[in-house]
């Protein structure tokens, strides 16, 4: 466990509708230090977002913000800690998209994915990119699909591990394109890159940030990004829809949750401040330089989005024959 203290797609990124005024009851919040639990190891997108938000919250409110990394079980361990914390707004979780996938992978979660939390704000969206081995004789998504259909069962797709957005993005592509592909999970995306570069695996959906170095060096070929907008980091790479797969849209994302029962006034104050922070030019630049698009929106919009994601990934799991364990 590591501690540090600090003194999306078009629809997601258009979340900045009219934000609610902060009720007077929340003006005394916070009364002590705030902990943001990051249910993952340091260094990823949700960790970076938490650190940026934590620093700015401290500057604005004068209370220290502790970033508590609690990795394990695709985010379940750290998220469960927050679910069982006092609902006063001083303990938050910055969860990733695996939060909406876990119900399709785990039969008995220690919390209810929806009812155990109050959604606070969507913090960011991370486009994924479809990358292929340079050994594969394809230079577009259409060529990849044609190759896969001409060579049934020959394609393999790597992922950063079972149950994450990269894994399920591959399953969704497999289903929508009508391909036979074998999934090969790794313990992290960078561990999958050598086999992909050498041609031992065929393709992979990975975050733009993780794959960009290999793409720029010519060691991997980028065919498309998975969001409905092109990535600011890879502006010349088409979206999956532009590349010929209409309706395809995935991402990995992050957002803040508070324990169920946290006062609405406190949630509203947190939401307003997080949205202000995410709109700051220096915060936006830091996120975008790392292949991350800032989020925004109301707690209701974030809650609705989580519900939509759960339904989408549940269907992908069913189509792929994935049973919760």
Protein backbone atom coordinates (compact mmCIF):
# COMPACT_ATOMS: atom_id res chain seq x y z
CA UNK A 1 0.00 0.00 0.00
CA UNK A 2 1.38 3.35 -0.97
CA UNK A 3 0.38 6.72 0.44
CA UNK A 4 1.04 10.16 -0.91
CA UNK A 5 -0.26 13.36 0.66
CA UNK A 6 -0.80 16.50 -1.41
CA UNK A 7 -0.77 20.41 0.37
CA UNK A 8 -14.66 10.56 -22.99
CA UNK A 9 -16.21 9.73 -25.98
CA UNK A 10 -18.20 12.67 -27.37
CA UNK A 11 -21.16 11.99 -25.09
CA UNK A 12 -18.96 11.67 -22.03
CA UNK A 13 -16.95 14.75 -22.81
CA UNK A 14 -20.11 16.76 -23.38
CA UNK A 15 -21.32 16.07 -19.85
CA UNK A 16 -20.91 19.71 -18.78
CA UNK A 17 -24.57 20.57 -18.55
CA UNK A 18 -25.92 22.95 -15.95
CA UNK A 19 -24.26 21.93 -12.70
CA UNK A 20 -26.24 22.24 -9.49
CA UNK A 21 -25.68 25.04 -7.04
CA UNK A 22 -23.99 23.90 -3.84
CA UNK A 23 -26.41 23.92 -0.89
CA UNK A 24 -25.47 25.95 2.16
CA UNK A 25 -25.42 22.79 4.30
CA UNK A 26 -22.22 21.65 2.56
CA UNK A 27 -20.26 24.85 3.14
CA UNK A 28 -18.56 23.44 6.25
CA UNK A 29 -17.31 20.39 4.34
CA UNK A 30 -14.55 19.20 4.55
CA UNK A 31 -13.82 19.26 8.28
CA UNK A 32 -10.73 17.01 8.12
CA UNK A 33 -8.40 15.35 5.65
CA UNK A 34 -9.88 13.57 2.65
CA UNK A 35 -8.74 10.16 1.46
CA UNK A 36 -9.09 9.16 -2.19
CA UNK A 37 -8.69 5.41 -2.48
CA UNK A 38 -7.23 4.36 -5.83
CA UNK A 39 -8.02 0.64 -6.24
CA UNK A 40 -4.95 0.08 -8.41
CA UNK A 41 -1.17 0.38 -8.31
CA UNK A 42 0.50 3.79 -8.67
CA UNK A 43 1.23 5.06 -12.16
CA UNK A 44 -1.98 4.48 -14.10
CA UNK A 45 -4.64 6.87 -15.34
CA UNK A 46 -6.82 6.76 -12.21
CA UNK A 47 -3.75 7.31 -10.01
CA UNK A 48 -2.69 10.34 -12.06
CA UNK A 49 -6.21 11.78 -12.00
CA UNK A 50 -6.46 11.26 -8.24
CA UNK A 51 -3.15 13.02 -7.63
CA UNK A 52 -4.09 15.99 -9.79
CA UNK A 53 -7.51 16.33 -8.16
CA UNK A 54 -6.08 15.79 -4.69
CA UNK A 55 -3.50 18.53 -5.08
CA UNK A 56 -6.08 21.04 -6.32
CA UNK A 57 -8.59 20.12 -3.60
CA UNK A 58 -5.93 20.81 -0.97
CA UNK A 59 -5.15 24.17 -2.56
CA UNK A 60 -8.83 25.12 -2.65
CA UNK A 61 -10.02 23.81 0.71
CA UNK A 62 -6.89 23.81 2.88
CA UNK A 63 -7.34 20.21 3.98
CA UNK A 64 -4.78 17.53 3.11
CA UNK A 65 -5.80 14.88 0.60
CA UNK A 66 -4.30 11.41 0.96
CA UNK A 67 -4.03 9.14 -2.07
CA UNK A 68 -4.29 5.55 -0.86
CA UNK A 69 -3.38 2.91 -3.48
CA UNK A 70 -5.18 -0.37 -2.72
CA UNK A 71 -4.55 -2.66 -5.67
CA UNK A 72 -6.04 -6.11 -6.09
CA UNK A 73 -8.95 -8.11 -7.49
CA UNK A 74 -9.61 -5.73 -10.42
CA UNK A 75 -10.32 -2.88 -8.03
CA UNK A 76 -12.65 -4.74 -5.68
CA UNK A 77 -10.43 -4.56 -2.57
CA UNK A 78 -10.01 -0.79 -2.53
CA UNK A 79 -13.58 -0.09 -3.62
CA UNK A 80 -14.96 -2.31 -0.85
CA UNK A 81 -13.02 -0.26 1.71
CA UNK A 82 -14.85 2.87 0.59
CA UNK A 83 -18.23 1.12 0.42
CA UNK A 84 -17.91 0.32 4.13
CA UNK A 85 -16.57 3.75 5.19
CA UNK A 86 -18.54 6.48 7.03
CA UNK A 87 -20.73 8.32 4.50
CA UNK A 88 -19.46 11.82 5.22
CA UNK A 89 -17.54 12.61 2.02
CA UNK A 90 -14.09 12.29 3.55
CA UNK A 91 -13.43 8.83 2.03
CA UNK A 92 -13.81 8.49 -1.73
CA UNK A 93 -12.89 5.94 -4.40
CA UNK A 94 -11.60 6.82 -7.84
CA UNK A 95 -12.71 3.72 -9.72
CA UNK A 96 -11.93 2.61 -13.26
CA UNK A 97 -14.15 1.03 -15.90
CA UNK A 98 -13.56 -2.39 -14.31
CA UNK A 99 -16.08 -1.26 -11.67
CA UNK A 100 -18.84 -1.70 -14.28
CA UNK A 101 -17.35 -4.94 -15.66
CA UNK A 102 -16.84 -6.76 -12.35
CA UNK A 103 -20.51 -7.78 -11.95
CA UNK A 104 -20.10 -9.79 -15.18
CA UNK A 105 -16.92 -11.45 -13.91
CA UNK A 106 -17.47 -11.98 -10.17
CA UNK A 107 -20.53 -13.84 -8.89
CA UNK A 108 -20.42 -12.54 -5.30
CA UNK A 109 -19.11 -9.00 -4.94
CA UNK A 110 -18.75 -7.73 -1.35
CA UNK A 111 -20.81 -4.65 -2.27
CA UNK A 112 -23.56 -3.63 -4.66
CA UNK A 113 -21.99 -1.89 -7.66
CA UNK A 114 -24.78 0.71 -7.77
CA UNK A 115 -26.54 0.80 -4.41
CA UNK A 116 -23.42 0.88 -2.21
CA UNK A 117 -22.22 4.21 -3.62
CA UNK A 118 -23.12 7.79 -4.43
CA UNK A 119 -21.70 8.80 -7.82
CA UNK A 120 -19.75 12.06 -7.59
CA UNK A 121 -18.22 12.81 -10.99
CA UNK A 122 -16.77 11.28 -14.12
CA UNK A 123 -13.14 12.37 -13.96
CA UNK A 124 -11.70 11.17 -17.27
CA UNK A 125 -11.94 8.97 -20.33
CA UNK A 126 -9.02 7.03 -21.81
CA UNK A 127 -9.36 6.03 -25.48
CA UNK A 128 -8.13 2.57 -26.37
CA UNK A 129 -6.30 1.87 -29.60
CA UNK A 130 -6.42 -1.27 -31.73
CA UNK A 131 -2.80 -2.22 -32.38
CA UNK A 132 -1.49 -5.10 -34.46
CA UNK A 133 1.80 -6.84 -34.93
CA UNK A 134 3.83 -5.48 -37.85
CA UNK A 135 4.19 -9.15 -38.81
CA UNK A 136 0.46 -9.24 -39.61
CA UNK A 137 -0.19 -8.38 -43.29
CA UNK A 138 -2.91 -5.80 -42.61
CA UNK A 139 -2.91 -2.02 -42.57
CA UNK A 140 -6.55 -1.24 -41.79
CA UNK A 141 -9.43 -2.59 -39.74
CA UNK A 142 -11.20 -3.78 -42.90
CA UNK A 143 -8.08 -5.69 -43.96
CA UNK A 144 -7.83 -7.18 -40.46
CA UNK A 145 -11.42 -8.41 -40.59
CA UNK A 146 -10.92 -9.83 -44.08
CA UNK A 147 -7.73 -11.58 -42.95
CA UNK A 148 -9.48 -13.02 -39.89
CA UNK A 149 -12.36 -14.39 -41.95
CA UNK A 150 -9.98 -15.89 -44.50
CA UNK A 151 -7.96 -17.50 -41.67
CA UNK A 152 -10.53 -18.62 -39.09
CA UNK A 153 -9.05 -19.30 -35.67
CA UNK A 154 -5.62 -17.95 -36.58
CA UNK A 155 -5.98 -14.55 -34.88
CA UNK A 156 -5.14 -14.11 -31.20
CA UNK A 157 -5.72 -11.01 -29.13
CA UNK A 158 -3.71 -10.05 -26.10
CA UNK A 159 -4.99 -8.03 -23.15
CA UNK A 160 -3.74 -6.56 -19.90
CA UNK A 161 -5.72 -9.19 -18.00
CA UNK A 162 -9.08 -10.87 -17.65
CA UNK A 163 -12.06 -8.61 -17.02
CA UNK A 164 -10.69 -5.22 -17.95
CA UNK A 165 -11.87 -2.85 -20.67
CA UNK A 166 -9.05 -3.96 -23.04
CA UNK A 167 -10.17 -7.60 -22.71
CA UNK A 168 -13.84 -6.79 -23.20
CA UNK A 169 -13.06 -4.41 -26.07
CA UNK A 170 -11.48 -7.37 -27.85
CA UNK A 171 -14.50 -9.54 -27.14
CA UNK A 172 -16.81 -6.83 -28.47
CA UNK A 173 -14.75 -6.50 -31.66
CA UNK A 174 -14.74 -10.27 -32.08
CA UNK A 175 -18.53 -10.36 -31.79
CA UNK A 176 -19.28 -7.34 -34.00
CA UNK A 177 -16.81 -8.37 -36.72
CA UNK A 178 -17.85 -12.03 -36.66
CA UNK A 179 -14.32 -13.28 -36.07
CA UNK A 180 -12.87 -16.33 -34.39
CA UNK A 181 -10.10 -15.09 -32.08
CA UNK A 182 -8.39 -16.55 -29.02
CA UNK A 183 -7.90 -14.33 -25.98
CA UNK A 184 -4.46 -14.36 -24.32
CA UNK A 185 -4.39 -12.42 -21.03
CA UNK A 186 -1.20 -10.93 -19.58
CA UNK A 187 -0.46 -9.37 -16.20
CA UNK A 188 -0.36 -5.83 -17.54
CA UNK A 189 -0.33 -4.39 -21.02
CA UNK A 190 3.41 -3.69 -21.27
CA UNK A 191 4.11 -7.37 -20.62
CA UNK A 192 2.03 -8.19 -23.69
CA UNK A 193 3.91 -5.86 -26.03
CA UNK A 194 6.99 -8.06 -26.73
CA UNK A 195 4.83 -10.97 -27.93
CA UNK A 196 2.72 -8.60 -30.02
CA UNK A 197 5.78 -6.97 -31.58
CA UNK A 198 7.29 -10.34 -32.45
CA UNK A 199 4.06 -11.67 -33.93
CA UNK A 200 3.42 -14.36 -31.32
CA UNK A 201 0.07 -12.62 -30.79
CA UNK A 202 -1.89 -10.80 -33.50
CA UNK A 203 -3.58 -7.79 -32.02
CA UNK A 204 -4.51 -5.95 -28.85
CA UNK A 205 -6.70 -3.17 -27.51
CA UNK A 206 -4.55 -1.02 -25.24
CA UNK A 207 -4.66 2.48 -23.82
CA UNK A 208 -3.23 5.16 -26.07
CA UNK A 209 -0.83 6.19 -23.30
CA UNK A 210 0.58 2.67 -22.88
CA UNK A 211 0.90 1.92 -26.61
CA UNK A 212 2.01 5.29 -27.96
CA UNK A 213 5.76 4.79 -27.52
CA UNK A 214 5.70 1.53 -29.48
CA UNK A 215 3.44 3.06 -32.14
CA UNK A 216 5.69 6.09 -32.61
CA UNK A 217 8.73 3.82 -32.87
CA UNK A 218 7.07 1.76 -35.60
CA UNK A 219 7.16 -1.41 -33.55
CA UNK A 220 3.36 -1.66 -33.47
CA UNK A 221 0.78 -0.56 -36.04
CA UNK A 222 -2.25 1.46 -34.88
CA UNK A 223 -5.41 0.74 -36.87
CA UNK A 224 -8.12 2.63 -34.95
CA UNK A 225 -9.10 4.23 -31.65
CA UNK A 226 -12.18 3.01 -29.84
CA UNK A 227 -13.91 6.28 -28.91
CA UNK A 228 -16.22 8.27 -31.17
CA UNK A 229 -13.65 11.06 -31.33
CA UNK A 230 -10.08 10.68 -32.49
CA UNK A 231 -7.42 10.80 -29.81
CA UNK A 232 -5.55 14.08 -29.33
CA UNK A 233 -2.39 11.97 -29.03
CA UNK A 234 -3.01 10.03 -32.27
CA UNK A 235 -4.94 12.49 -34.45
CA UNK A 236 -4.15 10.65 -37.70
CA UNK A 237 -5.57 7.33 -36.48
CA UNK A 238 -9.28 6.86 -37.39
CA UNK A 239 -11.98 5.83 -34.96
CA UNK A 240 -13.35 2.31 -35.17
CA UNK A 241 -16.53 3.71 -36.68
CA UNK A 242 -14.56 5.63 -39.30
CA UNK A 243 -12.57 2.46 -39.96
CA UNK A 244 -15.66 0.47 -40.85
CA UNK A 245 -17.17 -0.92 -37.63
CA UNK A 246 -20.34 1.16 -37.13
CA UNK A 247 -21.58 1.35 -33.57
CA UNK A 248 -18.31 0.24 -32.01
CA UNK A 249 -17.39 2.38 -29.00
CA UNK A 250 -15.42 1.54 -25.86
CA UNK A 251 -13.01 3.22 -23.48
CA UNK A 252 -11.52 2.88 -20.07
CA UNK A 253 -12.57 5.65 -17.73
CA UNK A 254 -12.39 6.86 -14.17
CA UNK A 255 -14.76 8.49 -11.73
CA UNK A 256 -15.24 9.37 -8.09
CA UNK A 257 -17.65 7.49 -5.83
CA UNK A 258 -18.64 8.19 -2.24
CA UNK A 259 -20.23 5.69 0.17
CA UNK A 260 -24.01 5.33 -0.07
CA UNK A 261 -25.75 7.75 2.25
CA UNK A 262 -23.28 10.58 1.79
CA UNK A 263 -25.35 13.80 2.04
CA UNK A 264 -26.48 15.14 -1.32
CA UNK A 265 -25.15 18.57 -0.37
CA UNK A 266 -21.67 17.12 0.20
CA UNK A 267 -21.79 15.21 -3.09
CA UNK A 268 -22.86 18.40 -4.88
CA UNK A 269 -19.97 20.37 -3.38
CA UNK A 270 -17.47 17.68 -4.35
CA UNK A 271 -18.92 17.50 -7.86
CA UNK A 272 -18.73 21.26 -8.39
CA UNK A 273 -15.13 21.45 -7.21
CA UNK A 274 -13.98 18.43 -9.23
CA UNK A 275 -15.57 19.85 -12.36
CA UNK A 276 -13.81 23.17 -11.73
CA UNK A 277 -10.49 21.37 -11.33
CA UNK A 278 -10.93 19.30 -14.49
CA UNK A 279 -11.57 22.48 -16.48
CA UNK A 280 -8.28 24.11 -15.39
CA UNK A 281 -5.91 24.49 -18.39
CA UNK A 282 -2.92 22.99 -16.56
CA UNK A 283 -4.92 19.96 -15.43
CA UNK A 284 -6.37 19.40 -18.89
CA UNK A 285 -2.90 19.64 -20.45
CA UNK A 286 -1.36 17.15 -18.01
CA UNK A 287 -4.14 14.65 -18.62
CA UNK A 288 -4.12 15.04 -22.41
CA UNK A 289 -0.33 14.80 -22.56
CA UNK A 290 -0.80 11.36 -21.00
CA UNK A 291 -3.47 10.27 -23.47
CA UNK A 292 -6.33 11.00 -21.06
CA UNK A 293 -9.37 13.14 -21.88
CA UNK A 294 -10.84 15.13 -18.96
CA UNK A 295 -14.40 14.32 -17.92
CA UNK A 296 -17.17 16.44 -16.41
CA UNK A 297 -20.86 16.33 -15.58
CA UNK A 298 -23.36 15.86 -12.79
CA UNK A 299 -23.57 13.00 -10.28
CA UNK A 300 -26.79 11.85 -12.00
CA UNK A 301 -25.08 11.71 -15.39
CA UNK A 302 -22.19 9.69 -13.97
CA UNK A 303 -24.58 7.29 -12.26
CA UNK A 304 -26.56 6.84 -15.48
CA UNK A 305 -23.32 6.23 -17.38
CA UNK A 306 -22.24 3.49 -14.96
CA UNK A 307 -25.59 1.78 -15.46
CA UNK A 308 -25.22 1.96 -19.24
CA UNK A 309 -21.71 0.53 -19.03
CA UNK A 310 -22.88 -2.35 -16.85
CA UNK A 311 -25.54 -3.32 -19.37
CA UNK A 312 -23.14 -3.07 -22.31
CA UNK A 313 -20.44 -5.22 -20.72
CA UNK A 314 -22.97 -7.72 -19.42
CA UNK A 315 -24.08 -8.34 -23.00
CA UNK A 316 -20.46 -8.65 -24.17
CA UNK A 317 -19.79 -11.23 -21.45
CA UNK A 318 -22.91 -13.19 -22.37
CA UNK A 319 -22.06 -13.16 -26.07
CA UNK A 320 -18.52 -14.30 -25.28
CA UNK A 321 -19.75 -17.10 -23.00
CA UNK A 322 -18.02 -15.57 -19.96
CA UNK A 323 -19.54 -16.82 -16.71
CA UNK A 324 -19.07 -14.99 -13.37
CA UNK A 325 -16.83 -16.94 -11.00
